Amino acid sequence: WHVFAWTGLYPRYLFPWPGDVLQSLSQQLHQGVLGE
């Protein structure tokens, strides 16, 4: 996943890096929305 994202075949907003996904997940958890 990281290697494919690093190649830049797709823009980052279309194919996010693993770190972007973890950041989105962390924000949802911190806000308490994901649990709901």
PDB file of all heavy atoms in Angstrom:
ATOM      1  N   TRP A   1       0.839  -1.204   0.000  1.00  0.00           N
ATOM      2  CA  TRP A   1       0.000   0.000   0.000  1.00  0.00           C
ATOM      3  C   TRP A   1       0.872   1.253   0.000  1.00  0.00           C
ATOM      4  O   TRP A   1       0.649   2.184  -0.787  1.00  0.00           O
ATOM      5  CB  TRP A   1      -0.909  -0.052   1.219  1.00  0.00           C
ATOM      6  CG  TRP A   1      -1.856   1.109   1.381  1.00  0.00           C
ATOM      7  CD1 TRP A   1      -2.018   2.171   0.530  1.00  0.00           C
ATOM      8  CD2 TRP A   1      -2.760   1.322   2.462  1.00  0.00           C
ATOM      9  NE1 TRP A   1      -2.971   3.025   1.021  1.00  0.00           N
ATOM     10  CE2 TRP A   1      -3.445   2.533   2.197  1.00  0.00           C
ATOM     11  CE3 TRP A   1      -3.056   0.603   3.618  1.00  0.00           C
ATOM     12  CZ2 TRP A   1      -4.398   3.039   3.068  1.00  0.00           C
ATOM     13  CZ3 TRP A   1      -4.020   1.107   4.474  1.00  0.00           C
ATOM     14  CH2 TRP A   1      -4.674   2.305   4.199  1.00  0.00           C
ATOM     15  N   HIS A   2       1.864   1.265   0.869  1.00  0.00           N
ATOM     16  CA  HIS A   2       2.759   2.429   0.969  1.00  0.00           C
ATOM     17  C   HIS A   2       3.540   2.640  -0.325  1.00  0.00           C
ATOM     18  O   HIS A   2       3.675   3.777  -0.809  1.00  0.00           O
ATOM     19  CB  HIS A   2       3.714   2.235   2.143  1.00  0.00           C
ATOM     20  CG  HIS A   2       4.497   3.458   2.490  1.00  0.00           C
ATOM     21  ND1 HIS A   2       4.030   4.448   3.327  1.00  0.00           N
ATOM     22  CD2 HIS A   2       5.736   3.868   2.086  1.00  0.00           C
ATOM     23  CE1 HIS A   2       4.921   5.398   3.442  1.00  0.00           C
ATOM     24  NE2 HIS A   2       5.978   5.075   2.702  1.00  0.00           N
ATOM     25  N   VAL A   3       4.036   1.562  -0.901  1.00  0.00           N
ATOM     26  CA  VAL A   3       4.817   1.671  -2.138  1.00  0.00           C
ATOM     27  C   VAL A   3       3.944   2.187  -3.276  1.00  0.00           C
ATOM     28  O   VAL A   3       4.362   3.059  -4.056  1.00  0.00           O
ATOM     29  CB  VAL A   3       5.443   0.311  -2.487  1.00  0.00           C
ATOM     30  CG1 VAL A   3       6.052   0.343  -3.898  1.00  0.00           C
ATOM     31  CG2 VAL A   3       6.522  -0.059  -1.474  1.00  0.00           C
ATOM     32  N   PHE A   4       2.726   1.653  -3.385  1.00  0.00           N
ATOM     33  CA  PHE A   4       1.837   2.089  -4.461  1.00  0.00           C
ATOM     34  C   PHE A   4       1.477   3.560  -4.297  1.00  0.00           C
ATOM     35  O   PHE A   4       1.410   4.317  -5.282  1.00  0.00           O
ATOM     36  CB  PHE A   4       0.573   1.229  -4.466  1.00  0.00           C
ATOM     37  CG  PHE A   4      -0.276   1.427  -5.685  1.00  0.00           C
ATOM     38  CD1 PHE A   4       0.012   0.783  -6.869  1.00  0.00           C
ATOM     39  CD2 PHE A   4      -1.374   2.290  -5.643  1.00  0.00           C
ATOM     40  CE1 PHE A   4      -0.774   0.970  -8.001  1.00  0.00           C
ATOM     41  CE2 PHE A   4      -2.167   2.485  -6.766  1.00  0.00           C
ATOM     42  CZ  PHE A   4      -1.865   1.823  -7.946  1.00  0.00           C
ATOM     43  N   ALA A   5       1.229   4.001  -3.058  1.00  0.00           N
ATOM     44  CA  ALA A   5       0.926   5.413  -2.819  1.00  0.00           C
ATOM     45  C   ALA A   5       2.144   6.278  -3.139  1.00  0.00           C
ATOM     46  O   ALA A   5       2.001   7.389  -3.668  1.00  0.00           O
ATOM     47  CB  ALA A   5       0.486   5.619  -1.373  1.00  0.00           C
ATOM     48  N   TRP A   6       3.333   5.779  -2.843  1.00  0.00           N
ATOM     49  CA  TRP A   6       4.563   6.538  -3.075  1.00  0.00           C
ATOM     50  C   TRP A   6       4.843   6.750  -4.558  1.00  0.00           C
ATOM     51  O   TRP A   6       5.448   7.744  -4.953  1.00  0.00           O
ATOM     52  CB  TRP A   6       5.732   5.784  -2.429  1.00  0.00           C
ATOM     53  CG  TRP A   6       7.063   6.440  -2.631  1.00  0.00           C
ATOM     54  CD1 TRP A   6       7.574   7.524  -1.998  1.00  0.00           C
ATOM     55  CD2 TRP A   6       8.066   6.018  -3.574  1.00  0.00           C
ATOM     56  NE1 TRP A   6       8.841   7.831  -2.468  1.00  0.00           N
ATOM     57  CE2 TRP A   6       9.156   6.910  -3.434  1.00  0.00           C
ATOM     58  CE3 TRP A   6       8.142   4.988  -4.491  1.00  0.00           C
ATOM     59  CZ2 TRP A   6      10.302   6.779  -4.200  1.00  0.00           C
ATOM     60  CZ3 TRP A   6       9.281   4.862  -5.260  1.00  0.00           C
ATOM     61  CH2 TRP A   6      10.360   5.755  -5.106  1.00  0.00           C
ATOM     62  N   THR A   7       4.381   5.831  -5.401  1.00  0.00           N
ATOM     63  CA  THR A   7       4.615   5.972  -6.842  1.00  0.00           C
ATOM     64  C   THR A   7       3.903   7.190  -7.417  1.00  0.00           C
ATOM     65  O   THR A   7       4.292   7.695  -8.481  1.00  0.00           O
ATOM     66  CB  THR A   7       4.134   4.720  -7.590  1.00  0.00           C
ATOM     67  OG1 THR A   7       2.723   4.546  -7.387  1.00  0.00           O
ATOM     68  CG2 THR A   7       4.877   3.483  -7.114  1.00  0.00           C
ATOM     69  N   GLY A   8       2.856   7.664  -6.748  1.00  0.00           N
ATOM     70  CA  GLY A   8       2.144   8.839  -7.227  1.00  0.00           C
ATOM     71  C   GLY A   8       1.289   8.589  -8.452  1.00  0.00           C
ATOM     72  O   GLY A   8       0.954   9.525  -9.183  1.00  0.00           O
ATOM     73  N   LEU A   9       0.926   7.333  -8.695  1.00  0.00           N
ATOM     74  CA  LEU A   9       0.089   7.013  -9.848  1.00  0.00           C
ATOM     75  C   LEU A   9      -1.263   7.723  -9.744  1.00  0.00           C
ATOM     76  O   LEU A   9      -1.832   8.142 -10.746  1.00  0.00           O
ATOM     77  CB  LEU A   9      -0.111   5.497  -9.944  1.00  0.00           C
ATOM     78  CG  LEU A   9      -0.872   4.974 -11.157  1.00  0.00           C
ATOM     79  CD1 LEU A   9      -0.133   5.318 -12.449  1.00  0.00           C
ATOM     80  CD2 LEU A   9      -1.082   3.453 -11.057  1.00  0.00           C
ATOM     81  N   TYR A  10      -1.764   7.847  -8.518  1.00  0.00           N
ATOM     82  CA  TYR A  10      -2.981   8.604  -8.261  1.00  0.00           C
ATOM     83  C   TYR A  10      -2.650   9.737  -7.304  1.00  0.00           C
ATOM     84  O   TYR A  10      -1.778   9.606  -6.441  1.00  0.00           O
ATOM     85  CB  TYR A  10      -4.059   7.710  -7.633  1.00  0.00           C
ATOM     86  CG  TYR A  10      -4.647   6.694  -8.584  1.00  0.00           C
ATOM     87  CD1 TYR A  10      -4.189   5.385  -8.575  1.00  0.00           C
ATOM     88  CD2 TYR A  10      -5.650   7.049  -9.478  1.00  0.00           C
ATOM     89  CE1 TYR A  10      -4.726   4.445  -9.446  1.00  0.00           C
ATOM     90  CE2 TYR A  10      -6.199   6.125 -10.341  1.00  0.00           C
ATOM     91  CZ  TYR A  10      -5.729   4.820 -10.324  1.00  0.00           C
ATOM     92  OH  TYR A  10      -6.257   3.900 -11.190  1.00  0.00           O
ATOM     93  N   PRO A  11      -3.358  10.873  -7.429  1.00  0.00           N
ATOM     94  CA  PRO A  11      -3.151  11.962  -6.462  1.00  0.00           C
ATOM     95  C   PRO A  11      -3.476  11.492  -5.046  1.00  0.00           C
ATOM     96  O   PRO A  11      -4.261  10.570  -4.844  1.00  0.00           O
ATOM     97  CB  PRO A  11      -4.139  13.045  -6.925  1.00  0.00           C
ATOM     98  CG  PRO A  11      -4.449  12.716  -8.339  1.00  0.00           C
ATOM     99  CD  PRO A  11      -4.347  11.234  -8.472  1.00  0.00           C
ATOM    100  N   ARG A  12      -2.887  12.174  -4.090  1.00  0.00           N
ATOM    101  CA  ARG A  12      -3.046  11.758  -2.701  1.00  0.00           C
ATOM    102  C   ARG A  12      -4.493  11.835  -2.235  1.00  0.00           C
ATOM    103  O   ARG A  12      -4.928  11.038  -1.403  1.00  0.00           O
ATOM    104  CB  ARG A  12      -2.150  12.618  -1.799  1.00  0.00           C
ATOM    105  CG  ARG A  12      -2.029  12.101  -0.377  1.00  0.00           C
ATOM    106  CD  ARG A  12      -0.829  12.710   0.302  1.00  0.00           C
ATOM    107  NE  ARG A  12      -0.648  12.176   1.647  1.00  0.00           N
ATOM    108  CZ  ARG A  12       0.460  12.363   2.369  1.00  0.00           C
ATOM    109  NH1 ARG A  12       1.477  13.053   1.863  1.00  0.00           N
ATOM    110  NH2 ARG A  12       0.546  11.856   3.585  1.00  0.00           N
ATOM    111  N   TYR A  13      -5.254  12.772  -2.786  1.00  0.00           N
ATOM    112  CA  TYR A  13      -6.645  12.888  -2.352  1.00  0.00           C
ATOM    113  C   TYR A  13      -7.508  11.760  -2.910  1.00  0.00           C
ATOM    114  O   TYR A  13      -8.621  11.518  -2.422  1.00  0.00           O
ATOM    115  CB  TYR A  13      -7.226  14.252  -2.747  1.00  0.00           C
ATOM    116  CG  TYR A  13      -7.484  14.437  -4.228  1.00  0.00           C
ATOM    117  CD1 TYR A  13      -8.729  14.124  -4.774  1.00  0.00           C
ATOM    118  CD2 TYR A  13      -6.490  14.935  -5.064  1.00  0.00           C
ATOM    119  CE1 TYR A  13      -8.974  14.301  -6.128  1.00  0.00           C
ATOM    120  CE2 TYR A  13      -6.728  15.109  -6.415  1.00  0.00           C
ATOM    121  CZ  TYR A  13      -7.967  14.793  -6.944  1.00  0.00           C
ATOM    122  OH  TYR A  13      -8.186  14.973  -8.286  1.00  0.00           O
ATOM    123  N   LEU A  14      -7.014  11.056  -3.945  1.00  0.00           N
ATOM    124  CA  LEU A  14      -7.730   9.908  -4.486  1.00  0.00           C
ATOM    125  C   LEU A  14      -7.235   8.584  -3.909  1.00  0.00           C
ATOM    126  O   LEU A  14      -8.024   7.648  -3.740  1.00  0.00           O
ATOM    127  CB  LEU A  14      -7.596   9.870  -6.017  1.00  0.00           C
ATOM    128  CG  LEU A  14      -8.343  10.942  -6.802  1.00  0.00           C
ATOM    129  CD1 LEU A  14      -8.112  10.769  -8.295  1.00  0.00           C
ATOM    130  CD2 LEU A  14      -9.834  10.894  -6.491  1.00  0.00           C
ATOM    131  N   PHE A  15      -5.949   8.524  -3.634  1.00  0.00           N
ATOM    132  CA  PHE A  15      -5.364   7.304  -3.066  1.00  0.00           C
ATOM    133  C   PHE A  15      -4.513   7.698  -1.856  1.00  0.00           C
ATOM    134  O   PHE A  15      -3.326   7.970  -1.976  1.00  0.00           O
ATOM    135  CB  PHE A  15      -4.502   6.570  -4.100  1.00  0.00           C
ATOM    136  CG  PHE A  15      -4.144   5.170  -3.687  1.00  0.00           C
ATOM    137  CD1 PHE A  15      -4.971   4.105  -4.012  1.00  0.00           C
ATOM    138  CD2 PHE A  15      -2.991   4.907  -2.964  1.00  0.00           C
ATOM    139  CE1 PHE A  15      -4.643   2.813  -3.647  1.00  0.00           C
ATOM    140  CE2 PHE A  15      -2.660   3.623  -2.583  1.00  0.00           C
ATOM    141  CZ  PHE A  15      -3.488   2.568  -2.927  1.00  0.00           C
ATOM    142  N   PRO A  16      -5.128   7.756  -0.673  1.00  0.00           N
ATOM    143  CA  PRO A  16      -4.413   8.263   0.508  1.00  0.00           C
ATOM    144  C   PRO A  16      -3.338   7.305   0.986  1.00  0.00           C
ATOM    145  O   PRO A  16      -3.391   6.098   0.740  1.00  0.00           O
ATOM    146  CB  PRO A  16      -5.537   8.389   1.546  1.00  0.00           C
ATOM    147  CG  PRO A  16      -6.554   7.394   1.130  1.00  0.00           C
ATOM    148  CD  PRO A  16      -6.516   7.375  -0.368  1.00  0.00           C
ATOM    149  N   TRP A  17      -2.356   7.870   1.686  1.00  0.00           N
ATOM    150  CA  TRP A  17      -1.309   7.077   2.307  1.00  0.00           C
ATOM    151  C   TRP A  17      -1.871   6.418   3.569  1.00  0.00           C
ATOM    152  O   TRP A  17      -2.876   6.869   4.129  1.00  0.00           O
ATOM    153  CB  TRP A  17      -0.121   7.967   2.674  1.00  0.00           C
ATOM    154  CG  TRP A  17       0.640   8.472   1.484  1.00  0.00           C
ATOM    155  CD1 TRP A  17       0.132   9.180   0.428  1.00  0.00           C
ATOM    156  CD2 TRP A  17       2.033   8.326   1.247  1.00  0.00           C
ATOM    157  NE1 TRP A  17       1.122   9.483  -0.458  1.00  0.00           N
ATOM    158  CE2 TRP A  17       2.306   8.978   0.016  1.00  0.00           C
ATOM    159  CE3 TRP A  17       3.087   7.742   1.935  1.00  0.00           C
ATOM    160  CZ2 TRP A  17       3.581   9.025  -0.530  1.00  0.00           C
ATOM    161  CZ3 TRP A  17       4.359   7.788   1.394  1.00  0.00           C
ATOM    162  CH2 TRP A  17       4.607   8.415   0.181  1.00  0.00           C
ATOM    163  N   PRO A  18      -1.220   5.355   4.051  1.00  0.00           N
ATOM    164  CA  PRO A  18      -1.668   4.734   5.302  1.00  0.00           C
ATOM    165  C   PRO A  18      -1.754   5.719   6.466  1.00  0.00           C
ATOM    166  O   PRO A  18      -2.669   5.650   7.287  1.00  0.00           O
ATOM    167  CB  PRO A  18      -0.614   3.647   5.560  1.00  0.00           C
ATOM    168  CG  PRO A  18      -0.093   3.305   4.203  1.00  0.00           C
ATOM    169  CD  PRO A  18      -0.123   4.581   3.419  1.00  0.00           C
ATOM    170  N   GLY A  19      -0.807   6.662   6.510  1.00  0.00           N
ATOM    171  CA  GLY A  19      -0.821   7.659   7.574  1.00  0.00           C
ATOM    172  C   GLY A  19      -2.058   8.538   7.519  1.00  0.00           C
ATOM    173  O   GLY A  19      -2.595   8.956   8.558  1.00  0.00           O
ATOM    174  N   ASP A  20      -2.534   8.856   6.304  1.00  0.00           N
ATOM    175  CA  ASP A  20      -3.747   9.664   6.162  1.00  0.00           C
ATOM    176  C   ASP A  20      -4.964   8.930   6.722  1.00  0.00           C
ATOM    177  O   ASP A  20      -5.836   9.530   7.364  1.00  0.00           O
ATOM    178  CB  ASP A  20      -3.983  10.000   4.689  1.00  0.00           C
ATOM    179  CG  ASP A  20      -2.839  10.801   4.088  1.00  0.00           C
ATOM    180  OD1 ASP A  20      -2.162  11.522   4.861  1.00  0.00           O
ATOM    181  OD2 ASP A  20      -2.612  10.693   2.870  1.00  0.00           O
ATOM    182  N   VAL A  21      -5.010   7.628   6.467  1.00  0.00           N
ATOM    183  CA  VAL A  21      -6.128   6.823   6.963  1.00  0.00           C
ATOM    184  C   VAL A  21      -6.092   6.759   8.482  1.00  0.00           C
ATOM    185  O   VAL A  21      -7.123   6.895   9.159  1.00  0.00           O
ATOM    186  CB  VAL A  21      -6.084   5.411   6.352  1.00  0.00           C
ATOM    187  CG1 VAL A  21      -7.173   4.522   6.948  1.00  0.00           C
ATOM    188  CG2 VAL A  21      -6.228   5.491   4.838  1.00  0.00           C
ATOM    189  N   LEU A  22      -4.908   6.546   9.041  1.00  0.00           N
ATOM    190  CA  LEU A  22      -4.778   6.503  10.497  1.00  0.00           C
ATOM    191  C   LEU A  22      -5.161   7.837  11.127  1.00  0.00           C
ATOM    192  O   LEU A  22      -5.778   7.876  12.197  1.00  0.00           O
ATOM    193  CB  LEU A  22      -3.349   6.124  10.880  1.00  0.00           C
ATOM    194  CG  LEU A  22      -2.937   4.680  10.617  1.00  0.00           C
ATOM    195  CD1 LEU A  22      -1.471   4.470  10.969  1.00  0.00           C
ATOM    196  CD2 LEU A  22      -3.807   3.719  11.425  1.00  0.00           C
ATOM    197  N   GLN A  23      -4.809   8.936  10.459  1.00  0.00           N
ATOM    198  CA  GLN A  23      -5.162  10.257  10.990  1.00  0.00           C
ATOM    199  C   GLN A  23      -6.678  10.448  10.988  1.00  0.00           C
ATOM    200  O   GLN A  23      -7.254  10.952  11.966  1.00  0.00           O
ATOM    201  CB  GLN A  23      -4.499  11.345  10.150  1.00  0.00           C
ATOM    202  CG  GLN A  23      -4.772  12.758  10.659  1.00  0.00           C
ATOM    203  CD  GLN A  23      -4.067  13.806   9.825  1.00  0.00           C
ATOM    204  OE1 GLN A  23      -3.378  13.499   8.860  1.00  0.00           O
ATOM    205  NE2 GLN A  23      -4.230  15.068  10.206  1.00  0.00           N
ATOM    206  N   SER A  24      -7.346  10.063   9.915  1.00  0.00           N
ATOM    207  CA  SER A  24      -8.811  10.169   9.853  1.00  0.00           C
ATOM    208  C   SER A  24      -9.455   9.304  10.918  1.00  0.00           C
ATOM    209  O   SER A  24     -10.415   9.717  11.589  1.00  0.00           O
ATOM    210  CB  SER A  24      -9.313   9.751   8.465  1.00  0.00           C
ATOM    211  OG  SER A  24      -8.818  10.610   7.470  1.00  0.00           O
ATOM    212  N   LEU A  25      -8.927   8.100  11.090  1.00  0.00           N
ATOM    213  CA  LEU A  25      -9.466   7.192  12.101  1.00  0.00           C
ATOM    214  C   LEU A  25      -9.270   7.752  13.499  1.00  0.00           C
ATOM    215  O   LEU A  25     -10.173   7.686  14.349  1.00  0.00           O
ATOM    216  CB  LEU A  25      -8.783   5.826  11.969  1.00  0.00           C
ATOM    217  CG  LEU A  25      -9.359   4.675  12.792  1.00  0.00           C
ATOM    218  CD1 LEU A  25     -10.799   4.414  12.402  1.00  0.00           C
ATOM    219  CD2 LEU A  25      -8.517   3.420  12.586  1.00  0.00           C
ATOM    220  N   SER A  26      -8.098   8.340  13.745  1.00  0.00           N
ATOM    221  CA  SER A  26      -7.812   8.924  15.053  1.00  0.00           C
ATOM    222  C   SER A  26      -8.734  10.101  15.353  1.00  0.00           C
ATOM    223  O   SER A  26      -9.219  10.250  16.483  1.00  0.00           O
ATOM    224  CB  SER A  26      -6.350   9.374  15.105  1.00  0.00           C
ATOM    225  OG  SER A  26      -6.060  10.021  16.316  1.00  0.00           O
ATOM    226  N   GLN A  27      -9.014  10.908  14.347  1.00  0.00           N
ATOM    227  CA  GLN A  27      -9.908  12.043  14.556  1.00  0.00           C
ATOM    228  C   GLN A  27     -11.322  11.584  14.906  1.00  0.00           C
ATOM    229  O   GLN A  27     -11.963  12.150  15.795  1.00  0.00           O
ATOM    230  CB  GLN A  27      -9.940  12.907  13.288  1.00  0.00           C
ATOM    231  CG  GLN A  27      -8.654  13.684  13.031  1.00  0.00           C
ATOM    232  CD  GLN A  27      -8.697  14.456  11.729  1.00  0.00           C
ATOM    233  OE1 GLN A  27      -9.622  14.285  10.932  1.00  0.00           O
ATOM    234  NE2 GLN A  27      -7.689  15.293  11.488  1.00  0.00           N
ATOM    235  N   GLN A  28     -11.792  10.566  14.212  1.00  0.00           N
ATOM    236  CA  GLN A  28     -13.129  10.046  14.499  1.00  0.00           C
ATOM    237  C   GLN A  28     -13.206   9.461  15.904  1.00  0.00           C
ATOM    238  O   GLN A  28     -14.209   9.634  16.609  1.00  0.00           O
ATOM    239  CB  GLN A  28     -13.498   8.977  13.459  1.00  0.00           C
ATOM    240  CG  GLN A  28     -13.670   9.508  12.049  1.00  0.00           C
ATOM    241  CD  GLN A  28     -14.880  10.407  11.924  1.00  0.00           C
ATOM    242  OE1 GLN A  28     -15.976  10.063  12.350  1.00  0.00           O
ATOM    243  NE2 GLN A  28     -14.689  11.571  11.323  1.00  0.00           N
ATOM    244  N   LEU A  29     -12.162   8.768  16.306  1.00  0.00           N
ATOM    245  CA  LEU A  29     -12.137   8.200  17.653  1.00  0.00           C
ATOM    246  C   LEU A  29     -12.085   9.295  18.707  1.00  0.00           C
ATOM    247  O   LEU A  29     -12.773   9.223  19.735  1.00  0.00           O
ATOM    248  CB  LEU A  29     -10.932   7.266  17.803  1.00  0.00           C
ATOM    249  CG  LEU A  29     -11.023   5.913  17.082  1.00  0.00           C
ATOM    250  CD1 LEU A  29      -9.682   5.196  17.125  1.00  0.00           C
ATOM    251  CD2 LEU A  29     -12.102   5.049  17.731  1.00  0.00           C
ATOM    252  N   HIS A  30     -11.276  10.309  18.467  1.00  0.00           N
ATOM    253  CA  HIS A  30     -11.121  11.403  19.434  1.00  0.00           C
ATOM    254  C   HIS A  30     -12.422  12.178  19.596  1.00  0.00           C
ATOM    255  O   HIS A  30     -12.775  12.606  20.712  1.00  0.00           O
ATOM    256  CB  HIS A  30     -10.000  12.341  18.982  1.00  0.00           C
ATOM    257  CG  HIS A  30      -9.704  13.434  19.970  1.00  0.00           C
ATOM    258  ND1 HIS A  30     -10.244  14.697  19.854  1.00  0.00           N
ATOM    259  CD2 HIS A  30      -8.944  13.443  21.104  1.00  0.00           C
ATOM    260  CE1 HIS A  30      -9.832  15.444  20.856  1.00  0.00           C
ATOM    261  NE2 HIS A  30      -9.029  14.719  21.627  1.00  0.00           N
ATOM    262  N   GLN A  31     -13.161  12.348  18.509  1.00  0.00           N
ATOM    263  CA  GLN A  31     -14.421  13.080  18.570  1.00  0.00           C
ATOM    264  C   GLN A  31     -15.566  12.227  19.118  1.00  0.00           C
ATOM    265  O   GLN A  31     -16.638  12.757  19.396  1.00  0.00           O
ATOM    266  CB  GLN A  31     -14.789  13.587  17.171  1.00  0.00           C
ATOM    267  CG  GLN A  31     -13.798  14.605  16.619  1.00  0.00           C
ATOM    268  CD  GLN A  31     -14.058  14.920  15.152  1.00  0.00           C
ATOM    269  OE1 GLN A  31     -14.999  14.392  14.550  1.00  0.00           O
ATOM    270  NE2 GLN A  31     -13.230  15.785  14.572  1.00  0.00           N
ATOM    271  N   GLY A  32     -15.341  10.931  19.242  1.00  0.00           N
ATOM    272  CA  GLY A  32     -16.380  10.030  19.735  1.00  0.00           C
ATOM    273  C   GLY A  32     -17.422   9.663  18.704  1.00  0.00           C
ATOM    274  O   GLY A  32     -18.411   8.987  19.033  1.00  0.00           O
ATOM    275  N   VAL A  33     -17.235  10.088  17.457  1.00  0.00           N
ATOM    276  CA  VAL A  33     -18.229   9.840  16.400  1.00  0.00           C
ATOM    277  C   VAL A  33     -18.180   8.385  15.950  1.00  0.00           C
ATOM    278  O   VAL A  33     -19.226   7.761  15.711  1.00  0.00           O
ATOM    279  CB  VAL A  33     -17.985  10.784  15.203  1.00  0.00           C
ATOM    280  CG1 VAL A  33     -18.954  10.486  14.067  1.00  0.00           C
ATOM    281  CG2 VAL A  33     -18.110  12.228  15.647  1.00  0.00           C
ATOM    282  N   LEU A  34     -16.980   7.835  15.839  1.00  0.00           N
ATOM    283  CA  LEU A  34     -16.835   6.477  15.328  1.00  0.00           C
ATOM    284  C   LEU A  34     -17.546   5.465  16.226  1.00  0.00           C
ATOM    285  O   LEU A  34     -18.208   4.548  15.738  1.00  0.00           O
ATOM    286  CB  LEU A  34     -15.355   6.124  15.183  1.00  0.00           C
ATOM    287  CG  LEU A  34     -15.048   4.753  14.578  1.00  0.00           C
ATOM    288  CD1 LEU A  34     -15.629   4.651  13.172  1.00  0.00           C
ATOM    289  CD2 LEU A  34     -13.547   4.495  14.558  1.00  0.00           C
ATOM    290  N   GLY A  35     -17.410   5.624  17.523  1.00  0.00           N
ATOM    291  CA  GLY A  35     -18.069   4.707  18.444  1.00  0.00           C
ATOM    292  C   GLY A  35     -19.577   4.722  18.292  1.00  0.00           C
ATOM    293  O   GLY A  35     -20.236   3.676  18.371  1.00  0.00           O
ATOM    294  N   GLU A  36     -20.143   5.919  18.051  1.00  0.00           N
ATOM    295  CA  GLU A  36     -21.590   6.017  17.857  1.00  0.00           C
ATOM    296  C   GLU A  36     -22.024   5.313  16.581  1.00  0.00           C
ATOM    297  O   GLU A  36     -23.034   4.591  16.567  1.00  0.00           O
ATOM    298  CB  GLU A  36     -21.996   7.491  17.807  1.00  0.00           C
ATOM    299  CG  GLU A  36     -21.762   8.240  19.114  1.00  0.00           C
ATOM    300  CD  GLU A  36     -22.102   9.714  18.999  1.00  0.00           C
ATOM    301  OE1 GLU A  36     -22.553  10.117  17.891  1.00  0.00           O
ATOM    302  OE2 GLU A  36     -21.935  10.456  19.986  1.00  0.00           O
TER     303      GLU A  36
END
